[in-house]
């Protein structure tokens, strides 16, 4: 996978209690088939933060990478 073709997601950091790990919540909007109303979908990703430079509430862009640990792939 080339660096320029990796999947990127934008979200907010909701937890930063583990060392070198940040939990990022990504919100996506999906349109309902029948009612055509937009519904928000939330998903949390574990992202690698080597220098512990981000804090809770920061808006970040995460990028897919090789598996770093059991849960971290971003």
PDB file of N, CA and C in Angstrom:
ATOM      1  N   UNK A   1       0.853  -1.179   0.000  1.00  0.00           N
ATOM      2  CA  UNK A   1       0.000   0.000   0.000  1.00  0.00           C
ATOM      3  C   UNK A   1       0.898   1.241   0.000  1.00  0.00           C
ATOM      4  N   UNK A   2       0.743   2.086  -0.999  1.00  0.00           N
ATOM      5  CA  UNK A   2       1.521   3.317  -1.074  1.00  0.00           C
ATOM      6  C   UNK A   2       1.033   4.315  -0.042  1.00  0.00           C
ATOM      7  N   UNK A   3       1.952   5.195   0.373  1.00  0.00           N
ATOM      8  CA  UNK A   3       1.577   6.205   1.362  1.00  0.00           C
ATOM      9  C   UNK A   3       0.499   7.141   0.838  1.00  0.00           C
ATOM     10  N   UNK A   4       0.543   7.440  -0.462  1.00  0.00           N
ATOM     11  CA  UNK A   4      -0.432   8.386  -0.997  1.00  0.00           C
ATOM     12  C   UNK A   4      -1.810   7.760  -1.195  1.00  0.00           C
ATOM     13  N   UNK A   5      -1.899   6.427  -1.196  1.00  0.00           N
ATOM     14  CA  UNK A   5      -3.181   5.765  -1.428  1.00  0.00           C
ATOM     15  C   UNK A   5      -3.815   5.220  -0.160  1.00  0.00           C
ATOM     16  N   UNK A   6      -3.271   5.533   0.990  1.00  0.00           N
ATOM     17  CA  UNK A   6      -3.824   5.016   2.240  1.00  0.00           C
ATOM     18  C   UNK A   6      -5.134   5.699   2.601  1.00  0.00           C
ATOM     19  N   UNK A   7      -6.000   4.933   3.274  1.00  0.00           N
ATOM     20  CA  UNK A   7      -7.282   5.473   3.698  1.00  0.00           C
ATOM     21  C   UNK A   7      -7.073   6.449   4.849  1.00  0.00           C
ATOM     22  N   UNK A   8      -7.783   7.576   4.805  1.00  0.00           N
ATOM     23  CA  UNK A   8      -7.688   8.594   5.850  1.00  0.00           C
ATOM     24  C   UNK A   8      -9.085   8.874   6.393  1.00  0.00           C
ATOM     25  N   UNK A   9      -9.147   9.086   7.713  1.00  0.00           N
ATOM     26  CA  UNK A   9     -10.399   9.423   8.378  1.00  0.00           C
ATOM     27  C   UNK A   9     -10.174  10.607   9.305  1.00  0.00           C
ATOM     28  N   UNK A  10     -11.207  11.428   9.483  1.00  0.00           N
ATOM     29  CA  UNK A  10     -11.114  12.580  10.366  1.00  0.00           C
ATOM     30  C   UNK A  10     -12.022  12.358  11.561  1.00  0.00           C
ATOM     31  N   UNK A  11     -11.502  12.670  12.761  1.00  0.00           N
ATOM     32  CA  UNK A  11     -12.302  12.483  13.960  1.00  0.00           C
ATOM     33  C   UNK A  11     -11.739  13.250  15.138  1.00  0.00           C
ATOM     34  N   UNK A  12     -12.361  13.043  16.297  1.00  0.00           N
ATOM     35  CA  UNK A  12     -11.939  13.707  17.532  1.00  0.00           C
ATOM     36  C   UNK A  12     -11.389  12.673  18.501  1.00  0.00           C
ATOM     37  N   UNK A  13     -10.380  13.081  19.278  1.00  0.00           N
ATOM     38  CA  UNK A  13      -9.815  12.194  20.286  1.00  0.00           C
ATOM     39  C   UNK A  13     -10.743  12.193  21.492  1.00  0.00           C
ATOM     40  N   UNK A  14     -11.155  10.982  21.914  1.00  0.00           N
ATOM     41  CA  UNK A  14     -12.060  10.859  23.050  1.00  0.00           C
ATOM     42  C   UNK A  14     -11.358  10.277  24.272  1.00  0.00           C
ATOM     43  N   UNK A  15     -10.200   9.639  24.092  1.00  0.00           N
ATOM     44  CA  UNK A  15      -9.468   9.075  25.219  1.00  0.00           C
ATOM     45  C   UNK A  15      -7.982   9.040  24.884  1.00  0.00           C
ATOM     46  N   UNK A  16      -7.162   9.344  25.904  1.00  0.00           N
ATOM     47  CA  UNK A  16      -5.716   9.312  25.720  1.00  0.00           C
ATOM     48  C   UNK A  16      -5.065   8.826  27.007  1.00  0.00           C
ATOM     49  N   UNK A  17      -5.604   7.756  27.593  1.00  0.00           N
ATOM     50  CA  UNK A  17      -5.116   7.264  28.873  1.00  0.00           C
ATOM     51  C   UNK A  17      -3.986   6.261  28.715  1.00  0.00           C
ATOM     52  N   UNK A  18      -3.974   5.535  27.614  1.00  0.00           N
ATOM     53  CA  UNK A  18      -2.924   4.549  27.387  1.00  0.00           C
ATOM     54  C   UNK A  18      -1.691   5.236  26.810  1.00  0.00           C
ATOM     55  N   UNK A  19      -0.490   4.778  27.160  1.00  0.00           N
ATOM     56  CA  UNK A  19       0.710   5.402  26.594  1.00  0.00           C
ATOM     57  C   UNK A  19       0.835   5.109  25.102  1.00  0.00           C
ATOM     58  N   UNK A  20       1.144   6.148  24.336  1.00  0.00           N
ATOM     59  CA  UNK A  20       1.360   6.078  22.888  1.00  0.00           C
ATOM     60  C   UNK A  20       0.131   5.623  22.108  1.00  0.00           C
ATOM     61  N   UNK A  21      -1.045   5.756  22.700  1.00  0.00           N
ATOM     62  CA  UNK A  21      -2.283   5.353  22.029  1.00  0.00           C
ATOM     63  C   UNK A  21      -3.359   6.410  22.254  1.00  0.00           C
ATOM     64  N   UNK A  22      -4.078   6.736  21.199  1.00  0.00           N
ATOM     65  CA  UNK A  22      -5.212   7.655  21.293  1.00  0.00           C
ATOM     66  C   UNK A  22      -6.427   6.967  20.700  1.00  0.00           C
ATOM     67  N   UNK A  23      -7.580   7.151  21.336  1.00  0.00           N
ATOM     68  CA  UNK A  23      -8.823   6.601  20.817  1.00  0.00           C
ATOM     69  C   UNK A  23      -9.542   7.726  20.083  1.00  0.00           C
ATOM     70  N   UNK A  24      -9.775   7.515  18.799  1.00  0.00           N
ATOM     71  CA  UNK A  24     -10.364   8.536  17.937  1.00  0.00           C
ATOM     72  C   UNK A  24     -11.762   8.091  17.538  1.00  0.00           C
ATOM     73  N   UNK A  25     -12.739   8.977  17.728  1.00  0.00           N
ATOM     74  CA  UNK A  25     -14.110   8.689  17.330  1.00  0.00           C
ATOM     75  C   UNK A  25     -14.396   9.370  15.997  1.00  0.00           C
ATOM     76  N   UNK A  26     -14.791   8.566  15.022  1.00  0.00           N
ATOM     77  CA  UNK A  26     -15.092   9.065  13.680  1.00  0.00           C
ATOM     78  C   UNK A  26     -16.601   9.029  13.492  1.00  0.00           C
ATOM     79  N   UNK A  27     -17.161  10.155  13.051  1.00  0.00           N
ATOM     80  CA  UNK A  27     -18.601  10.265  12.820  1.00  0.00           C
ATOM     81  C   UNK A  27     -18.840  10.317  11.318  1.00  0.00           C
ATOM     82  N   UNK A  28     -19.699   9.427  10.844  1.00  0.00           N
ATOM     83  CA  UNK A  28     -20.061   9.412   9.428  1.00  0.00           C
ATOM     84  C   UNK A  28     -21.569   9.579   9.317  1.00  0.00           C
ATOM     85  N   UNK A  29     -22.011  10.161   8.228  1.00  0.00           N
ATOM     86  CA  UNK A  29     -23.439  10.355   7.990  1.00  0.00           C
ATOM     87  C   UNK A  29     -23.884   9.454   6.848  1.00  0.00           C
ATOM     88  N   UNK A  30     -24.951   8.697   7.118  1.00  0.00           N
ATOM     89  CA  UNK A  30     -25.483   7.770   6.138  1.00  0.00           C
ATOM     90  C   UNK A  30     -26.934   8.127   5.885  1.00  0.00           C
ATOM     91  N   UNK A  31     -27.342   8.031   4.645  1.00  0.00           N
ATOM     92  CA  UNK A  31     -28.717   8.360   4.288  1.00  0.00           C
ATOM     93  C   UNK A  31     -29.608   7.133   4.439  1.00  0.00           C
ATOM     94  N   UNK A  32     -30.744   7.311   5.100  1.00  0.00           N
ATOM     95  CA  UNK A  32     -31.697   6.230   5.283  1.00  0.00           C
ATOM     96  C   UNK A  32     -32.375   5.933   3.944  1.00  0.00           C
ATOM     97  N   UNK A  33     -32.512   4.635   3.645  1.00  0.00           N
ATOM     98  CA  UNK A  33     -33.057   4.254   2.341  1.00  0.00           C
ATOM     99  C   UNK A  33     -34.494   4.712   2.118  1.00  0.00           C
ATOM    100  N   UNK A  34     -35.346   4.468   3.089  1.00  0.00           N
ATOM    101  CA  UNK A  34     -36.761   4.775   2.904  1.00  0.00           C
ATOM    102  C   UNK A  34     -37.094   6.242   3.192  1.00  0.00           C
ATOM    103  N   UNK A  35     -36.576   6.779   4.291  1.00  0.00           N
ATOM    104  CA  UNK A  35     -36.988   8.108   4.730  1.00  0.00           C
ATOM    105  C   UNK A  35     -36.069   9.224   4.261  1.00  0.00           C
ATOM    106  N   UNK A  36     -34.959   8.888   3.639  1.00  0.00           N
ATOM    107  CA  UNK A  36     -34.010   9.860   3.071  1.00  0.00           C
ATOM    108  C   UNK A  36     -33.480  10.832   4.116  1.00  0.00           C
ATOM    109  N   UNK A  37     -33.506  10.409   5.371  1.00  0.00           N
ATOM    110  CA  UNK A  37     -32.977  11.235   6.458  1.00  0.00           C
ATOM    111  C   UNK A  37     -31.533  10.818   6.713  1.00  0.00           C
ATOM    112  N   UNK A  38     -30.675  11.758   7.034  1.00  0.00           N
ATOM    113  CA  UNK A  38     -29.285  11.441   7.319  1.00  0.00           C
ATOM    114  C   UNK A  38     -29.132  11.021   8.776  1.00  0.00           C
ATOM    115  N   UNK A  39     -28.483   9.875   8.981  1.00  0.00           N
ATOM    116  CA  UNK A  39     -28.274   9.305  10.307  1.00  0.00           C
ATOM    117  C   UNK A  39     -26.785   9.293  10.586  1.00  0.00           C
ATOM    118  N   UNK A  40     -26.398   9.712  11.785  1.00  0.00           N
ATOM    119  CA  UNK A  40     -24.974   9.713  12.126  1.00  0.00           C
ATOM    120  C   UNK A  40     -24.567   8.363  12.683  1.00  0.00           C
ATOM    121  N   UNK A  41     -23.422   7.882  12.240  1.00  0.00           N
ATOM    122  CA  UNK A  41     -22.852   6.621  12.701  1.00  0.00           C
ATOM    123  C   UNK A  41     -21.506   6.912  13.341  1.00  0.00           C
ATOM    124  N   UNK A  42     -21.254   6.356  14.534  1.00  0.00           N
ATOM    125  CA  UNK A  42     -20.019   6.585  15.270  1.00  0.00           C
ATOM    126  C   UNK A  42     -19.207   5.298  15.319  1.00  0.00           C
ATOM    127  N   UNK A  43     -17.881   5.428  15.204  1.00  0.00           N
ATOM    128  CA  UNK A  43     -16.999   4.289  15.375  1.00  0.00           C
ATOM    129  C   UNK A  43     -15.703   4.785  15.997  1.00  0.00           C
ATOM    130  N   UNK A  44     -15.142   3.988  16.909  1.00  0.00           N
ATOM    131  CA  UNK A  44     -13.906   4.366  17.582  1.00  0.00           C
ATOM    132  C   UNK A  44     -12.743   3.542  17.047  1.00  0.00           C
ATOM    133  N   UNK A  45     -11.630   4.213  16.815  1.00  0.00           N
ATOM    134  CA  UNK A  45     -10.417   3.580  16.326  1.00  0.00           C
ATOM    135  C   UNK A  45      -9.278   3.864  17.302  1.00  0.00           C
ATOM    136  N   UNK A  46      -8.403   2.875  17.509  1.00  0.00           N
ATOM    137  CA  UNK A  46      -7.192   3.072  18.296  1.00  0.00           C
ATOM    138  C   UNK A  46      -6.093   3.517  17.338  1.00  0.00           C
ATOM    139  N   UNK A  47      -5.507   4.669  17.603  1.00  0.00           N
ATOM    140  CA  UNK A  47      -4.479   5.225  16.735  1.00  0.00           C
ATOM    141  C   UNK A  47      -3.163   5.353  17.499  1.00  0.00           C
ATOM    142  N   UNK A  48      -2.058   5.248  16.777  1.00  0.00           N
ATOM    143  CA  UNK A  48      -0.729   5.327  17.385  1.00  0.00           C
ATOM    144  C   UNK A  48      -0.314   6.788  17.512  1.00  0.00           C
ATOM    145  N   UNK A  49       0.141   7.165  18.696  1.00  0.00           N
ATOM    146  CA  UNK A  49       0.620   8.524  18.979  1.00  0.00           C
ATOM    147  C   UNK A  49       1.982   8.390  19.658  1.00  0.00           C
ATOM    148  N   UNK A  50       3.041   8.348  18.881  1.00  0.00           N
ATOM    149  CA  UNK A  50       4.382   8.050  19.385  1.00  0.00           C
ATOM    150  C   UNK A  50       4.859   9.044  20.434  1.00  0.00           C
ATOM    151  N   UNK A  51       4.608  10.341  20.218  1.00  0.00           N
ATOM    152  CA  UNK A  51       5.149  11.382  21.108  1.00  0.00           C
ATOM    153  C   UNK A  51       4.154  11.861  22.165  1.00  0.00           C
ATOM    154  N   UNK A  52       2.973  11.289  22.214  1.00  0.00           N
ATOM    155  CA  UNK A  52       1.918  11.713  23.145  1.00  0.00           C
ATOM    156  C   UNK A  52       1.658  13.214  23.052  1.00  0.00           C
ATOM    157  N   UNK A  53       1.551  13.710  21.824  1.00  0.00           N
ATOM    158  CA  UNK A  53       1.398  15.148  21.621  1.00  0.00           C
ATOM    159  C   UNK A  53      -0.049  15.608  21.499  1.00  0.00           C
ATOM    160  N   UNK A  54      -1.007  14.690  21.409  1.00  0.00           N
ATOM    161  CA  UNK A  54      -2.406  15.081  21.257  1.00  0.00           C
ATOM    162  C   UNK A  54      -3.164  14.875  22.558  1.00  0.00           C
ATOM    163  N   UNK A  55      -4.221  15.648  22.745  1.00  0.00           N
ATOM    164  CA  UNK A  55      -5.029  15.589  23.961  1.00  0.00           C
ATOM    165  C   UNK A  55      -6.490  15.338  23.609  1.00  0.00           C
ATOM    166  N   UNK A  56      -7.287  15.062  24.615  1.00  0.00           N
ATOM    167  CA  UNK A  56      -8.719  14.811  24.417  1.00  0.00           C
ATOM    168  C   UNK A  56      -9.376  16.058  23.842  1.00  0.00           C
ATOM    169  N   UNK A  57     -10.184  15.867  22.807  1.00  0.00           N
ATOM    170  CA  UNK A  57     -10.892  16.970  22.167  1.00  0.00           C
ATOM    171  C   UNK A  57     -10.231  17.485  20.916  1.00  0.00           C
ATOM    172  N   UNK A  58      -8.987  17.082  20.655  1.00  0.00           N
ATOM    173  CA  UNK A  58      -8.300  17.532  19.447  1.00  0.00           C
ATOM    174  C   UNK A  58      -8.898  16.866  18.212  1.00  0.00           C
ATOM    175  N   UNK A  59      -8.978  17.626  17.124  1.00  0.00           N
ATOM    176  CA  UNK A  59      -9.446  17.092  15.856  1.00  0.00           C
ATOM    177  C   UNK A  59      -8.225  16.597  15.088  1.00  0.00           C
ATOM    178  N   UNK A  60      -8.245  15.345  14.656  1.00  0.00           N
ATOM    179  CA  UNK A  60      -7.091  14.739  13.995  1.00  0.00           C
ATOM    180  C   UNK A  60      -7.529  14.002  12.733  1.00  0.00           C
ATOM    181  N   UNK A  61      -6.554  13.746  11.872  1.00  0.00           N
ATOM    182  CA  UNK A  61      -6.744  12.907  10.694  1.00  0.00           C
ATOM    183  C   UNK A  61      -5.876  11.674  10.895  1.00  0.00           C
ATOM    184  N   UNK A  62      -6.499  10.492  10.871  1.00  0.00           N
ATOM    185  CA  UNK A  62      -5.751   9.252  11.058  1.00  0.00           C
ATOM    186  C   UNK A  62      -5.614   8.550   9.711  1.00  0.00           C
ATOM    187  N   UNK A  63      -4.559   7.776   9.583  1.00  0.00           N
ATOM    188  CA  UNK A  63      -4.238   7.125   8.321  1.00  0.00           C
ATOM    189  C   UNK A  63      -4.001   5.638   8.566  1.00  0.00           C
ATOM    190  N   UNK A  64      -4.487   4.799   7.682  1.00  0.00           N
ATOM    191  CA  UNK A  64      -4.323   3.355   7.816  1.00  0.00           C
ATOM    192  C   UNK A  64      -2.848   2.983   7.694  1.00  0.00           C
ATOM    193  N   UNK A  65      -2.436   1.975   8.474  1.00  0.00           N
ATOM    194  CA  UNK A  65      -1.046   1.526   8.449  1.00  0.00           C
ATOM    195  C   UNK A  65      -1.007   0.036   8.758  1.00  0.00           C
ATOM    196  N   UNK A  66       0.177  -0.514   8.811  1.00  0.00           N
ATOM    197  CA  UNK A  66       0.324  -1.928   9.155  1.00  0.00           C
ATOM    198  C   UNK A  66      -0.111  -2.118  10.604  1.00  0.00           C
ATOM    199  N   UNK A  67      -0.469  -3.327  11.015  1.00  0.00           N
ATOM    200  CA  UNK A  67      -0.848  -3.548  12.417  1.00  0.00           C
ATOM    201  C   UNK A  67       0.323  -3.289  13.362  1.00  0.00           C
ATOM    202  N   UNK A  68       0.116  -2.404  14.327  1.00  0.00           N
ATOM    203  CA  UNK A  68       1.150  -2.069  15.304  1.00  0.00           C
ATOM    204  C   UNK A  68       0.967  -2.917  16.556  1.00  0.00           C
ATOM    205  N   UNK A  69      -0.275  -3.169  16.930  1.00  0.00           N
ATOM    206  CA  UNK A  69      -0.581  -4.045  18.075  1.00  0.00           C
ATOM    207  C   UNK A  69      -1.923  -4.707  17.797  1.00  0.00           C
ATOM    208  N   UNK A  70      -2.505  -5.313  18.805  1.00  0.00           N
ATOM    209  CA  UNK A  70      -3.761  -6.045  18.626  1.00  0.00           C
ATOM    210  C   UNK A  70      -4.880  -5.145  18.097  1.00  0.00           C
ATOM    211  N   UNK A  71      -4.977  -3.932  18.599  1.00  0.00           N
ATOM    212  CA  UNK A  71      -6.075  -3.032  18.216  1.00  0.00           C
ATOM    213  C   UNK A  71      -5.653  -1.893  17.298  1.00  0.00           C
ATOM    214  N   UNK A  72      -4.368  -1.569  17.274  1.00  0.00           N
ATOM    215  CA  UNK A  72      -3.928  -0.383  16.520  1.00  0.00           C
ATOM    216  C   UNK A  72      -3.592  -0.723  15.076  1.00  0.00           C
ATOM    217  N   UNK A  73      -4.367  -0.163  14.164  1.00  0.00           N
ATOM    218  CA  UNK A  73      -4.110  -0.273  12.732  1.00  0.00           C
ATOM    219  C   UNK A  73      -4.148   1.098  12.069  1.00  0.00           C
ATOM    220  N   UNK A  74      -4.164   2.157  12.866  1.00  0.00           N
ATOM    221  CA  UNK A  74      -4.251   3.531  12.370  1.00  0.00           C
ATOM    222  C   UNK A  74      -3.147   4.357  12.976  1.00  0.00           C
TER     223      UNK A  74
END
